[in-house]
Amino acid sequence: MIKNASKRIHLEIQQHRKNPVGLFRTTYYDHGKIKHDTIGRVTGVGLQELKLIQATLQGKVVLKDEFEIIGSKEHGATHTLLEIAKQTGLDRMIYSRPSEQWVRDALAMVVGRAVYAGSKLALTRVGDDSTLWEQAGAGNGEIDVNKHCYDAMDRLLSRKETIQKALARQHLNDNFVVLYDITSSYLEGEYENSEIVDFGYNRDKKKGKKQIVIGLICSRQGCPVAVEVFRGNTGDSSTVIEKIRDLKNKYGVEEAIFVGDRGMLKQCKLDEIASDESLVIRTITAITRAGLGKLCEHRSVQMSVFDKDRVVEVTLPEEPGIRYGLCFNPIQAARSRKTRTELIEKTTQILAKIAVPKRKTADGKLGIRVGRILNKYKAGKYFITEIKDGKLSFSVNEDAVEESQAYDGLYAVRTDVKSDHMTIEEAVGHYKSLGKVEQAFRSLKSPQLEIRPVYHKTDERIDTHVFICMLSYYLIWQMKNRLKPLFEEDGVGRSKKYTLASVIERLKSIRQEKVNFQGIINYSITKPDDEQQKILGLLGVSLS
């Protein structure tokens, strides 16, 4: 219990620093011990001025309510991410002299994307509610988007390859397992002279929007190390060989195990990689649905050997050096059956309406309409249709449904990594690790990082925007790794309290307060509560 708490405020002058600092304090007794509370601080004032303030306080009783908070800015989240950037060496990866203003501006954009998202112009206007630009050394005045953002973006792009080399050296050192995947991101506006913006397969489901394709290389732990922008009509598999060559030529990885999904590492690409003696690369991927059907027809493989509790290794005499890991996922099997049933039911309902025409329709026109429905719901193989004299008759192809159900939940991982280097269970585990790249893409497209839509109008700025988003995710990935104990002790499902977004919001509530005391302006940082202090402790960040 606190006893004899005093409201009298005194100024303690500390001269052991380079410049004197005044600390506004109250003194009280706690169980017979003298303790102090620091209310605020005075900096940037000479020793004589501090002594005058001290003398004034000694002759006058000052109550706490004479302090007036006249301003408040977000400080905690920005400070935390800037500290993590320094701790991981990202600031020095950007440039060997991180104190240069363009480097600090670049870090402000990287951190600002994680804390505030939005456009570069919007980021220059957060100064009224954030210490971001002050901590970046740009002062608290008006921030110019050309000077502090676009000029820094141009410098950052010129350093991109060097930065990614440094990230690769630091993180691609664990059995050289490399995860790779691509996605797309749509753009707004016109791009007549662009060499990378084009129409293509839009994974964002944005019809009529041009796009870019983004390839991301991650370590086996899911840490992003390199990103590249391709033309919007680039196919998945066409980027693979180039990225594998980059591993050796750009990032100095002489020997690697390249993990890609089944649409990317098609057989033709696997053959091309194997035939190129200059590429000391092994691969891990899953075979396609058609490939799985052929594999299950082989005399060495029985569908009954697929097991949910273990990985079954199979080798074929005609493919020496290739190993297959046969797996069964019951959750995926149930999901596939549910999806198929829903599609068949929806298609049946629509076809039933078409089968009762309101007016006579030509067979050709009716066929086009039916084909459009079957294609939309990807259910063509599950129906037998007949169009005659302007009428439609149809039925569900039960044999086709039964055949598809037989493969529900089955998948096979293919690798040419030798068994003495990696077990088949490890190979399957690495293939499942591709989910970490998918998680990276989800984060990049989330409201937190907001990589899409892209509003920049030149190819160079588009490239840099994507790179900044990747570096922001790099800091977020570092945060998530350090906060694992917090997330692991949390609940599950709806009872979960912590997400990365909620953690950042808690840190954002640590504010820098601007205080007016008898005409003297000073600044103080709000004291973190127990939860905030726990988060900061796990992150290894101090607010001092």
Protein backbone atom coordinates (compact mmCIF):
# COMPACT_ATOMS: atom_id res chain seq x y z
CA MET A 1 0.00 0.00 0.00
CA ILE A 2 1.36 3.42 -0.92
CA LYS A 3 1.50 5.85 1.96
CA ASN A 4 2.10 9.59 2.11
CA ALA A 5 2.03 9.98 -1.70
CA SER A 6 2.93 13.59 -2.43
CA LYS A 7 1.57 15.76 -5.22
CA ARG A 8 4.54 18.09 -4.93
CA ILE A 9 6.66 18.02 -8.08
CA HIS A 10 10.36 18.70 -8.14
CA LEU A 11 12.94 18.84 -10.93
CA GLU A 12 15.92 16.51 -10.75
CA ILE A 13 18.83 17.59 -12.96
CA GLN A 14 21.03 14.85 -14.42
CA GLN A 15 24.42 16.00 -15.73
CA HIS A 16 26.11 12.68 -16.43
CA ARG A 17 24.90 12.77 -20.07
CA LYS A 18 26.39 14.80 -22.89
CA ASN A 19 23.66 17.40 -22.41
CA PRO A 20 21.87 18.03 -19.09
CA VAL A 21 18.37 16.58 -18.70
CA GLY A 22 15.67 17.64 -16.25
CA LEU A 23 13.28 15.02 -14.85
CA PHE A 24 9.95 16.13 -13.35
CA ARG A 25 9.34 13.79 -10.40
CA THR A 26 7.08 13.19 -7.44
CA THR A 27 8.35 11.50 -4.27
CA TYR A 28 6.45 9.17 -1.93
CA TYR A 29 6.92 6.55 0.75
CA ASP A 30 6.12 2.90 0.02
CA HIS A 31 6.44 0.60 3.06
CA GLY A 32 8.97 2.93 4.56
CA LYS A 33 11.01 3.29 1.40
CA ILE A 34 11.37 6.49 -0.61
CA LYS A 35 10.31 6.05 -4.22
CA HIS A 36 9.93 8.33 -7.22
CA ASP A 37 7.58 8.65 -10.19
CA THR A 38 8.90 10.38 -13.31
CA ILE A 39 6.16 12.61 -14.76
CA GLY A 40 8.04 14.15 -17.67
CA ARG A 41 11.40 15.40 -18.87
CA VAL A 42 12.97 18.60 -20.19
CA THR A 43 15.62 18.35 -22.92
CA GLY A 44 17.28 20.86 -25.20
CA VAL A 45 17.58 23.38 -22.36
CA GLY A 46 20.83 24.67 -20.85
CA LEU A 47 21.98 23.96 -17.29
CA GLN A 48 21.21 27.51 -16.08
CA GLU A 49 17.66 27.37 -17.40
CA LEU A 50 17.15 24.00 -15.70
CA LYS A 51 18.39 25.45 -12.40
CA LEU A 52 15.96 28.37 -12.73
CA ILE A 53 13.07 25.93 -13.27
CA GLN A 54 14.28 23.90 -10.30
CA ALA A 55 14.43 26.98 -8.08
CA THR A 56 10.92 28.02 -9.14
CA LEU A 57 9.53 24.61 -8.20
CA GLN A 58 11.29 24.64 -4.84
CA GLY A 59 9.50 27.85 -3.90
CA LYS A 60 6.04 26.94 -5.14
CA VAL A 61 3.71 23.99 -4.75
CA VAL A 62 2.75 22.66 -8.18
CA LEU A 63 -0.11 20.18 -8.58
CA LYS A 64 -0.25 17.53 -11.26
CA ASP A 65 -3.34 19.07 -12.84
CA GLU A 66 -1.17 22.01 -13.87
CA PHE A 67 0.28 19.74 -16.54
CA GLU A 68 -1.58 20.03 -19.83
CA ILE A 69 -1.22 17.38 -22.55
CA ILE A 70 -1.42 19.32 -25.79
CA GLY A 71 -0.50 16.61 -28.29
CA SER A 72 -0.28 12.85 -28.71
CA LYS A 73 1.28 10.72 -31.47
CA GLU A 74 1.65 7.01 -32.20
CA HIS A 75 5.13 5.90 -31.27
CA GLY A 76 5.33 2.29 -30.07
CA ALA A 77 4.68 0.27 -33.24
CA THR A 78 6.85 2.49 -35.41
CA HIS A 79 9.72 2.43 -32.92
CA THR A 80 9.46 -1.36 -32.55
CA LEU A 81 9.67 -2.10 -36.27
CA LEU A 82 12.51 0.37 -36.78
CA GLU A 83 14.41 -1.36 -33.95
CA ILE A 84 13.81 -4.79 -35.50
CA ALA A 85 15.12 -3.43 -38.82
CA LYS A 86 18.31 -2.39 -37.04
CA GLN A 87 18.62 -5.61 -35.03
CA THR A 88 18.31 -7.78 -38.15
CA GLY A 89 20.75 -5.58 -40.05
CA LEU A 90 18.18 -4.62 -42.67
CA ASP A 91 19.21 -0.97 -42.43
CA ARG A 92 22.81 -1.90 -43.32
CA MET A 93 21.65 -4.24 -46.07
CA ILE A 94 19.93 -1.28 -47.66
CA TYR A 95 23.16 0.70 -47.48
CA SER A 96 26.41 0.48 -45.53
CA ARG A 97 25.83 3.98 -44.11
CA PRO A 98 22.31 3.68 -42.66
CA SER A 99 22.45 7.18 -41.22
CA GLU A 100 22.08 8.68 -44.71
CA GLN A 101 18.68 10.30 -45.02
CA TRP A 102 17.55 8.38 -48.10
CA VAL A 103 18.14 5.09 -46.22
CA ARG A 104 16.08 6.35 -43.29
CA ASP A 105 13.37 7.50 -45.69
CA ALA A 106 13.34 4.04 -47.30
CA LEU A 107 13.00 2.41 -43.87
CA ALA A 108 10.18 4.82 -43.06
CA MET A 109 8.31 3.54 -46.14
CA VAL A 110 9.02 -0.10 -45.22
CA VAL A 111 7.86 0.37 -41.62
CA GLY A 112 5.02 2.70 -42.61
CA ARG A 113 3.57 0.06 -44.92
CA ALA A 114 3.37 -2.41 -42.04
CA VAL A 115 1.86 0.11 -39.61
CA TYR A 116 -0.29 2.30 -41.86
CA ALA A 117 -0.43 0.78 -45.41
CA GLY A 118 -1.94 3.26 -47.90
CA SER A 119 -0.23 5.27 -50.62
CA LYS A 120 3.14 6.98 -50.42
CA LEU A 121 1.39 10.36 -50.45
CA ALA A 122 -0.82 9.33 -47.54
CA LEU A 123 2.27 8.17 -45.65
CA THR A 124 3.80 11.65 -45.90
CA ARG A 125 0.73 13.00 -44.08
CA VAL A 126 0.81 10.79 -40.98
CA GLY A 127 3.04 13.26 -39.13
CA ASP A 128 0.12 14.78 -37.19
CA ASP A 129 -0.54 11.42 -35.52
CA SER A 130 2.77 9.55 -35.72
CA THR A 131 6.44 10.00 -34.89
CA LEU A 132 7.40 7.92 -37.96
CA TRP A 133 9.16 10.65 -39.89
CA GLU A 134 10.68 12.17 -36.76
CA GLN A 135 12.22 8.81 -35.87
CA ALA A 136 13.40 8.52 -39.47
CA GLY A 137 15.30 11.78 -39.06
CA ALA A 138 13.13 13.83 -41.40
CA GLY A 139 11.88 16.14 -38.65
CA ASN A 140 8.28 16.89 -37.79
CA GLY A 141 7.61 19.42 -40.49
CA GLU A 142 6.03 18.94 -43.89
CA ILE A 143 7.25 15.77 -45.64
CA ASP A 144 7.65 16.04 -49.41
CA VAL A 145 6.54 12.92 -51.31
CA ASN A 146 9.07 13.46 -54.11
CA LYS A 147 12.05 14.02 -51.83
CA HIS A 148 11.27 11.56 -49.04
CA CYS A 149 9.49 8.82 -51.00
CA TYR A 150 10.09 8.80 -54.75
CA ASP A 151 13.77 9.80 -54.62
CA ALA A 152 14.36 7.17 -51.92
CA MET A 153 12.47 4.59 -54.00
CA ASP A 154 14.80 5.20 -56.94
CA ARG A 155 17.86 4.73 -54.74
CA LEU A 156 16.33 1.63 -53.15
CA LEU A 157 15.67 0.01 -56.54
CA SER A 158 19.32 0.47 -57.51
CA ARG A 159 20.23 -1.51 -54.37
CA LYS A 160 17.61 -4.25 -54.77
CA GLU A 161 19.90 -7.01 -56.08
CA THR A 162 22.53 -6.30 -53.42
CA ILE A 163 19.92 -6.35 -50.65
CA GLN A 164 18.48 -9.63 -51.87
CA LYS A 165 21.96 -11.16 -52.05
CA ALA A 166 22.47 -10.20 -48.41
CA LEU A 167 19.11 -11.71 -47.42
CA ALA A 168 19.96 -14.92 -49.31
CA ARG A 169 23.36 -15.20 -47.57
CA GLN A 170 21.68 -14.79 -44.20
CA HIS A 171 18.69 -17.09 -44.65
CA LEU A 172 19.35 -19.63 -47.43
CA ASN A 173 21.84 -21.57 -45.34
CA ASP A 174 19.75 -24.44 -43.98
CA ASN A 175 20.17 -27.44 -46.29
CA PHE A 176 19.66 -24.95 -49.14
CA VAL A 177 15.93 -25.70 -49.30
CA VAL A 178 14.31 -22.95 -51.36
CA LEU A 179 10.56 -22.35 -51.59
CA TYR A 180 9.19 -20.60 -54.67
CA ASP A 181 5.73 -19.57 -55.84
CA ILE A 182 4.07 -16.84 -57.86
CA THR A 183 0.92 -14.76 -57.64
CA SER A 184 -0.59 -11.78 -59.43
CA SER A 185 -1.63 -8.29 -58.40
CA TYR A 186 -3.99 -6.03 -60.31
CA LEU A 187 -3.47 -2.37 -61.18
CA GLU A 188 -5.65 0.70 -61.60
CA GLY A 189 -5.45 3.10 -64.54
CA GLU A 190 -3.88 3.02 -67.98
CA TYR A 191 -0.46 1.56 -68.75
CA GLU A 192 0.10 1.96 -72.49
CA ASN A 193 3.90 2.02 -72.42
CA SER A 194 4.51 -0.58 -69.74
CA GLU A 195 6.58 -3.68 -70.43
CA ILE A 196 5.28 -5.58 -67.39
CA VAL A 197 1.58 -4.63 -67.09
CA ASP A 198 -0.73 -6.87 -69.13
CA PHE A 199 -3.86 -8.99 -69.02
CA GLY A 200 -3.41 -12.53 -67.73
CA TYR A 201 -4.80 -15.20 -65.45
CA ASN A 202 -6.06 -13.04 -62.61
CA ARG A 203 -5.72 -14.72 -59.22
CA ASP A 204 -7.45 -11.74 -57.59
CA LYS A 205 -10.66 -12.46 -59.55
CA LYS A 206 -10.64 -8.92 -60.92
CA LYS A 207 -12.06 -9.16 -64.42
CA GLY A 208 -11.01 -6.48 -66.87
CA LYS A 209 -7.99 -5.41 -64.81
CA LYS A 210 -4.45 -5.53 -66.07
CA GLN A 211 -1.93 -7.07 -63.73
CA ILE A 212 1.62 -7.98 -62.89
CA VAL A 213 2.94 -11.40 -61.87
CA ILE A 214 5.05 -11.63 -58.71
CA GLY A 215 7.56 -14.40 -57.98
CA LEU A 216 8.70 -14.86 -54.37
CA ILE A 217 11.65 -16.89 -53.08
CA CYS A 218 11.55 -17.90 -49.40
CA SER A 219 13.73 -19.94 -47.09
CA ARG A 220 12.39 -23.24 -45.79
CA GLN A 221 11.11 -21.33 -42.72
CA GLY A 222 9.11 -18.99 -44.96
CA CYS A 223 11.45 -16.00 -44.65
CA PRO A 224 11.25 -13.88 -47.83
CA VAL A 225 14.62 -13.32 -49.48
CA ALA A 226 13.90 -12.22 -53.05
CA VAL A 227 11.00 -10.97 -55.13
CA GLU A 228 10.67 -10.28 -58.84
CA VAL A 229 7.99 -8.74 -61.02
CA PHE A 230 7.08 -10.43 -64.33
CA ARG A 231 4.79 -9.42 -67.16
CA GLY A 232 1.12 -9.90 -66.33
CA ASN A 233 0.59 -12.73 -68.85
CA THR A 234 3.51 -14.82 -67.55
CA GLY A 235 2.65 -18.46 -66.80
CA ASP A 236 3.61 -20.25 -63.61
CA SER A 237 6.15 -22.65 -65.09
CA SER A 238 7.86 -20.15 -67.41
CA THR A 239 9.56 -18.37 -64.48
CA VAL A 240 11.09 -21.47 -62.90
CA ILE A 241 14.31 -21.93 -64.89
CA GLU A 242 15.12 -18.22 -64.61
CA LYS A 243 14.67 -18.31 -60.82
CA ILE A 244 16.81 -21.43 -60.50
CA ARG A 245 19.60 -19.74 -62.47
CA ASP A 246 19.23 -16.67 -60.25
CA LEU A 247 19.89 -18.81 -57.19
CA LYS A 248 23.33 -19.60 -58.54
CA ASN A 249 24.23 -16.49 -60.55
CA LYS A 250 22.71 -13.76 -58.35
CA TYR A 251 22.56 -15.22 -54.87
CA GLY A 252 25.57 -17.51 -54.89
CA VAL A 253 23.65 -20.70 -54.04
CA GLU A 254 25.72 -23.40 -55.73
CA GLU A 255 23.56 -26.34 -54.68
CA ALA A 256 19.91 -26.18 -53.71
CA ILE A 257 16.68 -28.12 -53.32
CA PHE A 258 14.00 -26.21 -55.19
CA VAL A 259 10.43 -26.67 -53.94
CA GLY A 260 7.58 -25.63 -56.24
CA ASP A 261 3.92 -26.55 -56.70
CA ARG A 262 2.59 -29.02 -59.26
CA GLY A 263 1.51 -26.36 -61.75
CA MET A 264 4.97 -24.83 -61.78
CA LEU A 265 7.26 -27.84 -61.97
CA LYS A 266 5.62 -29.68 -64.82
CA GLN A 267 7.37 -32.68 -66.35
CA CYS A 268 8.84 -30.64 -69.22
CA LYS A 269 10.49 -28.27 -66.72
CA LEU A 270 11.74 -31.13 -64.59
CA ASP A 271 13.34 -32.68 -67.68
CA GLU A 272 14.90 -29.33 -68.62
CA ILE A 273 16.37 -28.88 -65.14
CA ALA A 274 17.73 -32.43 -65.09
CA SER A 275 19.34 -32.05 -68.53
CA ASP A 276 21.15 -28.80 -67.65
CA GLU A 277 24.47 -29.84 -66.10
CA SER A 278 25.22 -26.27 -65.02
CA LEU A 279 22.26 -26.36 -62.59
CA VAL A 280 23.17 -28.38 -59.50
CA ILE A 281 19.55 -28.38 -58.40
CA ARG A 282 17.28 -31.02 -56.92
CA THR A 283 13.53 -30.59 -56.91
CA ILE A 284 10.50 -31.38 -54.77
CA THR A 285 6.98 -31.02 -56.14
CA ALA A 286 3.65 -32.83 -56.30
CA ILE A 287 2.40 -34.54 -59.44
CA THR A 288 -0.73 -33.34 -61.22
CA ARG A 289 -4.12 -35.04 -61.09
CA ALA A 290 -3.44 -36.61 -64.49
CA GLY A 291 -0.02 -37.76 -63.31
CA LEU A 292 -1.56 -39.24 -60.19
CA GLY A 293 -3.98 -41.22 -62.35
CA LYS A 294 -1.13 -42.65 -64.42
CA LEU A 295 0.86 -43.44 -61.28
CA CYS A 296 -2.07 -45.33 -59.75
CA GLU A 297 -2.37 -47.40 -62.94
CA HIS A 298 1.20 -48.63 -62.53
CA ARG A 299 1.59 -52.19 -61.36
CA SER A 300 3.94 -51.05 -58.59
CA VAL A 301 1.30 -48.77 -57.05
CA GLN A 302 -2.02 -49.67 -55.46
CA MET A 303 -4.51 -47.04 -54.33
CA SER A 304 -4.93 -48.97 -51.10
CA VAL A 305 -1.39 -48.08 -49.99
CA PHE A 306 -2.23 -44.37 -49.60
CA ASP A 307 -2.35 -43.87 -45.84
CA LYS A 308 -3.31 -40.90 -43.65
CA ASP A 309 -0.91 -41.92 -40.88
CA ARG A 310 2.28 -42.45 -42.85
CA VAL A 311 4.04 -41.57 -46.09
CA VAL A 312 4.53 -44.54 -48.40
CA GLU A 313 7.68 -44.36 -50.55
CA VAL A 314 7.51 -45.76 -54.10
CA THR A 315 10.12 -45.97 -56.86
CA LEU A 316 9.47 -47.02 -60.45
CA PRO A 317 11.95 -49.12 -62.48
CA GLU A 318 11.62 -46.82 -65.50
CA GLU A 319 12.43 -43.69 -63.42
CA PRO A 320 15.72 -44.38 -61.60
CA GLY A 321 16.60 -41.72 -59.07
CA ILE A 322 13.00 -40.52 -58.67
CA ARG A 323 11.11 -41.17 -55.44
CA TYR A 324 7.40 -40.72 -54.83
CA GLY A 325 5.79 -40.13 -51.44
CA LEU A 326 2.17 -41.33 -51.43
CA CYS A 327 -0.08 -39.48 -48.99
CA PHE A 328 -3.75 -39.27 -48.01
CA ASN A 329 -5.39 -36.22 -46.44
CA PRO A 330 -8.85 -37.09 -45.04
CA ILE A 331 -9.72 -33.44 -44.42
CA GLN A 332 -9.00 -32.56 -48.04
CA ALA A 333 -10.97 -35.65 -49.13
CA ALA A 334 -14.06 -34.48 -47.23
CA ARG A 335 -13.65 -30.95 -48.57
CA SER A 336 -13.35 -32.19 -52.17
CA ARG A 337 -16.48 -34.34 -51.88
CA LYS A 338 -18.47 -31.51 -50.37
CA THR A 339 -17.37 -29.10 -53.11
CA ARG A 340 -18.16 -31.62 -55.86
CA THR A 341 -21.61 -32.32 -54.43
CA GLU A 342 -22.42 -28.61 -54.21
CA LEU A 343 -21.27 -27.99 -57.80
CA ILE A 344 -23.32 -30.89 -59.13
CA GLU A 345 -26.40 -29.75 -57.22
CA LYS A 346 -26.05 -26.15 -58.41
CA THR A 347 -25.47 -27.24 -62.01
CA THR A 348 -28.45 -29.62 -61.86
CA GLN A 349 -30.74 -26.81 -60.70
CA ILE A 350 -29.69 -24.52 -63.55
CA LEU A 351 -29.85 -27.25 -66.21
CA ALA A 352 -33.33 -28.20 -64.98
CA LYS A 353 -34.51 -24.65 -65.66
CA ILE A 354 -32.90 -24.67 -69.11
CA ALA A 355 -34.57 -28.01 -69.87
CA VAL A 356 -37.97 -26.33 -69.56
CA PRO A 357 -37.67 -23.61 -72.23
CA LYS A 358 -39.99 -20.63 -72.32
CA ARG A 359 -39.62 -20.44 -76.06
CA LYS A 360 -38.19 -22.60 -78.79
CA THR A 361 -34.39 -22.29 -79.10
CA ALA A 362 -32.05 -23.49 -81.84
CA ASP A 363 -29.92 -26.48 -80.88
CA GLY A 364 -26.67 -24.58 -81.43
CA LYS A 365 -27.69 -21.64 -79.29
CA LEU A 366 -28.95 -23.97 -76.56
CA GLY A 367 -25.67 -25.93 -76.68
CA ILE A 368 -23.67 -22.77 -76.14
CA ARG A 369 -25.80 -21.88 -73.13
CA VAL A 370 -25.41 -25.35 -71.61
CA GLY A 371 -21.67 -25.39 -72.29
CA ARG A 372 -21.27 -22.06 -70.56
CA ILE A 373 -22.95 -23.40 -67.43
CA LEU A 374 -20.91 -26.62 -67.39
CA ASN A 375 -17.70 -24.63 -67.86
CA LYS A 376 -18.60 -22.10 -65.17
CA TYR A 377 -19.08 -24.77 -62.52
CA LYS A 378 -16.37 -27.08 -63.93
CA ALA A 379 -18.87 -29.92 -63.92
CA GLY A 380 -18.87 -31.02 -67.55
CA LYS A 381 -17.43 -34.47 -66.89
CA TYR A 382 -20.13 -35.19 -64.30
CA PHE A 383 -23.06 -34.80 -66.73
CA ILE A 384 -24.40 -36.59 -69.78
CA THR A 385 -26.32 -34.14 -71.94
CA GLU A 386 -28.30 -34.40 -75.16
CA ILE A 387 -29.82 -31.57 -77.16
CA LYS A 388 -32.36 -32.40 -79.80
CA ASP A 389 -35.12 -30.35 -81.45
CA GLY A 390 -34.46 -27.43 -79.15
CA LYS A 391 -34.81 -29.50 -75.98
CA LEU A 392 -32.25 -30.47 -73.35
CA SER A 393 -32.11 -33.78 -71.53
CA PHE A 394 -29.40 -34.56 -68.99
CA SER A 395 -28.34 -36.90 -66.22
CA VAL A 396 -25.51 -37.16 -63.71
CA ASN A 397 -22.67 -39.41 -64.85
CA GLU A 398 -22.38 -41.55 -61.71
CA ASP A 399 -19.38 -43.46 -63.06
CA ALA A 400 -17.45 -40.20 -63.47
CA VAL A 401 -18.44 -39.08 -59.98
CA GLU A 402 -17.33 -42.40 -58.48
CA GLU A 403 -14.02 -42.27 -60.34
CA SER A 404 -13.27 -38.77 -59.06
CA GLN A 405 -14.21 -39.72 -55.52
CA ALA A 406 -11.64 -42.49 -55.59
CA TYR A 407 -8.88 -39.86 -55.81
CA ASP A 408 -10.24 -37.51 -53.15
CA GLY A 409 -7.53 -36.62 -50.65
CA LEU A 410 -4.80 -38.52 -52.50
CA TYR A 411 -1.58 -36.78 -53.52
CA ALA A 412 1.95 -37.79 -54.37
CA VAL A 413 5.14 -35.80 -53.80
CA ARG A 414 7.92 -36.33 -56.36
CA THR A 415 11.61 -35.71 -55.66
CA ASP A 416 15.01 -36.53 -57.08
CA VAL A 417 16.78 -35.85 -53.76
CA LYS A 418 18.71 -38.96 -52.76
CA SER A 419 17.43 -40.98 -49.82
CA ASP A 420 20.72 -40.69 -47.91
CA HIS A 421 20.31 -36.91 -47.96
CA MET A 422 16.60 -36.66 -47.18
CA THR A 423 13.88 -39.07 -46.11
CA ILE A 424 10.65 -39.17 -48.05
CA GLU A 425 8.85 -37.84 -44.95
CA GLU A 426 11.16 -34.81 -44.95
CA ALA A 427 10.53 -34.28 -48.66
CA VAL A 428 6.76 -34.27 -48.07
CA GLY A 429 7.27 -31.87 -45.17
CA HIS A 430 9.21 -29.47 -47.38
CA TYR A 431 6.47 -29.58 -50.01
CA LYS A 432 3.91 -28.71 -47.34
CA SER A 433 6.16 -25.76 -46.43
CA LEU A 434 4.97 -24.07 -49.63
CA GLY A 435 2.03 -23.02 -47.48
CA LYS A 436 4.42 -20.51 -45.90
CA VAL A 437 4.85 -18.79 -49.27
CA GLU A 438 1.08 -18.77 -49.69
CA GLN A 439 0.87 -17.20 -46.22
CA ALA A 440 3.34 -14.56 -47.37
CA PHE A 441 1.15 -13.75 -50.37
CA ARG A 442 -1.94 -13.54 -48.15
CA SER A 443 -0.11 -11.12 -45.89
CA LEU A 444 1.11 -9.05 -48.82
CA LYS A 445 -2.46 -8.77 -50.13
CA SER A 446 -3.99 -8.12 -46.71
CA PRO A 447 -5.17 -4.66 -45.60
CA GLN A 448 -2.03 -4.51 -43.44
CA LEU A 449 0.47 -4.44 -46.34
CA GLU A 450 -1.94 -3.64 -49.18
CA ILE A 451 0.28 -4.54 -52.12
CA ARG A 452 -2.80 -4.25 -54.38
CA PRO A 453 -4.08 -2.43 -56.24
CA VAL A 454 -0.93 -0.77 -57.57
CA TYR A 455 -1.25 2.90 -58.52
CA HIS A 456 2.34 3.68 -59.65
CA LYS A 457 2.62 4.47 -63.33
CA THR A 458 6.18 3.48 -64.25
CA ASP A 459 7.63 -0.03 -64.33
CA GLU A 460 10.50 0.99 -62.04
CA ARG A 461 8.18 2.37 -59.37
CA ILE A 462 5.91 -0.70 -59.61
CA ASP A 463 8.97 -2.91 -59.08
CA THR A 464 10.08 -0.84 -56.09
CA HIS A 465 6.58 -0.82 -54.57
CA VAL A 466 6.53 -4.64 -54.64
CA PHE A 467 10.05 -4.73 -53.16
CA ILE A 468 9.06 -2.39 -50.30
CA CYS A 469 6.08 -4.63 -49.55
CA MET A 470 8.39 -7.66 -49.43
CA LEU A 471 10.77 -5.89 -47.02
CA SER A 472 7.77 -4.96 -44.84
CA TYR A 473 6.75 -8.60 -44.78
CA TYR A 474 10.35 -9.46 -43.83
CA LEU A 475 9.98 -7.36 -40.67
CA ILE A 476 6.55 -8.87 -39.99
CA TRP A 477 8.01 -12.36 -40.41
CA GLN A 478 10.71 -11.48 -37.87
CA MET A 479 8.03 -10.23 -35.48
CA LYS A 480 5.95 -13.40 -35.85
CA ASN A 481 8.97 -15.59 -35.15
CA ARG A 482 9.80 -13.72 -31.96
CA LEU A 483 6.17 -13.75 -30.82
CA LYS A 484 5.71 -17.52 -31.19
CA PRO A 485 5.49 -18.04 -27.39
CA LEU A 486 2.70 -15.46 -27.24
CA PHE A 487 0.74 -17.06 -30.07
CA GLU A 488 1.32 -20.61 -28.79
CA GLU A 489 -0.09 -19.85 -25.35
CA ASP A 490 -3.09 -18.12 -26.91
CA GLY A 491 -6.47 -19.79 -27.43
CA VAL A 492 -7.76 -21.33 -30.63
CA GLY A 493 -10.44 -20.32 -33.12
CA ARG A 494 -12.66 -17.48 -31.96
CA SER A 495 -11.11 -17.52 -28.50
CA LYS A 496 -7.77 -16.37 -29.88
CA LYS A 497 -6.80 -13.03 -28.46
CA TYR A 498 -3.63 -12.29 -30.37
CA THR A 499 -2.99 -11.80 -34.05
CA LEU A 500 -0.13 -9.91 -35.57
CA ALA A 501 -2.54 -7.08 -36.43
CA SER A 502 -3.81 -6.91 -32.84
CA VAL A 503 -0.24 -6.87 -31.52
CA ILE A 504 0.63 -3.93 -33.75
CA GLU A 505 -2.52 -2.13 -32.58
CA ARG A 506 -1.49 -2.65 -28.95
CA LEU A 507 1.93 -1.21 -29.72
CA LYS A 508 0.37 1.72 -31.56
CA SER A 509 -1.38 2.73 -28.35
CA ILE A 510 2.02 3.54 -26.83
CA ARG A 511 2.05 7.25 -27.52
CA GLN A 512 4.43 10.19 -27.40
CA GLU A 513 2.73 12.86 -25.30
CA LYS A 514 3.46 16.56 -25.74
CA VAL A 515 3.11 18.25 -22.35
CA ASN A 516 2.86 21.94 -21.49
CA PHE A 517 4.03 22.74 -17.98
CA GLN A 518 3.88 26.42 -17.09
CA GLY A 519 4.84 27.37 -20.65
CA ILE A 520 7.59 24.77 -20.85
CA ILE A 521 7.04 22.12 -23.55
CA ASN A 522 8.41 18.63 -22.97
CA TYR A 523 7.77 15.17 -24.37
CA SER A 524 7.26 11.80 -22.73
CA ILE A 525 6.40 8.27 -23.83
CA THR A 526 3.43 6.60 -22.18
CA LYS A 527 4.48 3.77 -19.89
CA PRO A 528 3.71 0.35 -21.41
CA ASP A 529 1.19 -1.73 -19.48
CA ASP A 530 2.00 -5.31 -18.48
CA GLU A 531 0.73 -6.77 -21.76
CA GLN A 532 2.63 -4.28 -23.89
CA GLN A 533 5.77 -4.85 -21.84
CA LYS A 534 5.44 -8.61 -22.39
CA ILE A 535 5.18 -8.06 -26.16
CA LEU A 536 8.17 -5.72 -26.18
CA GLY A 537 10.15 -8.21 -24.10
CA LEU A 538 9.51 -11.04 -26.56
CA LEU A 539 10.49 -8.75 -29.43
CA GLY A 540 13.67 -7.69 -27.64
CA VAL A 541 12.81 -4.00 -27.98
CA SER A 542 13.22 -1.25 -25.41
CA LEU A 543 11.46 2.11 -25.57
CA SER A 544 14.25 3.94 -23.75
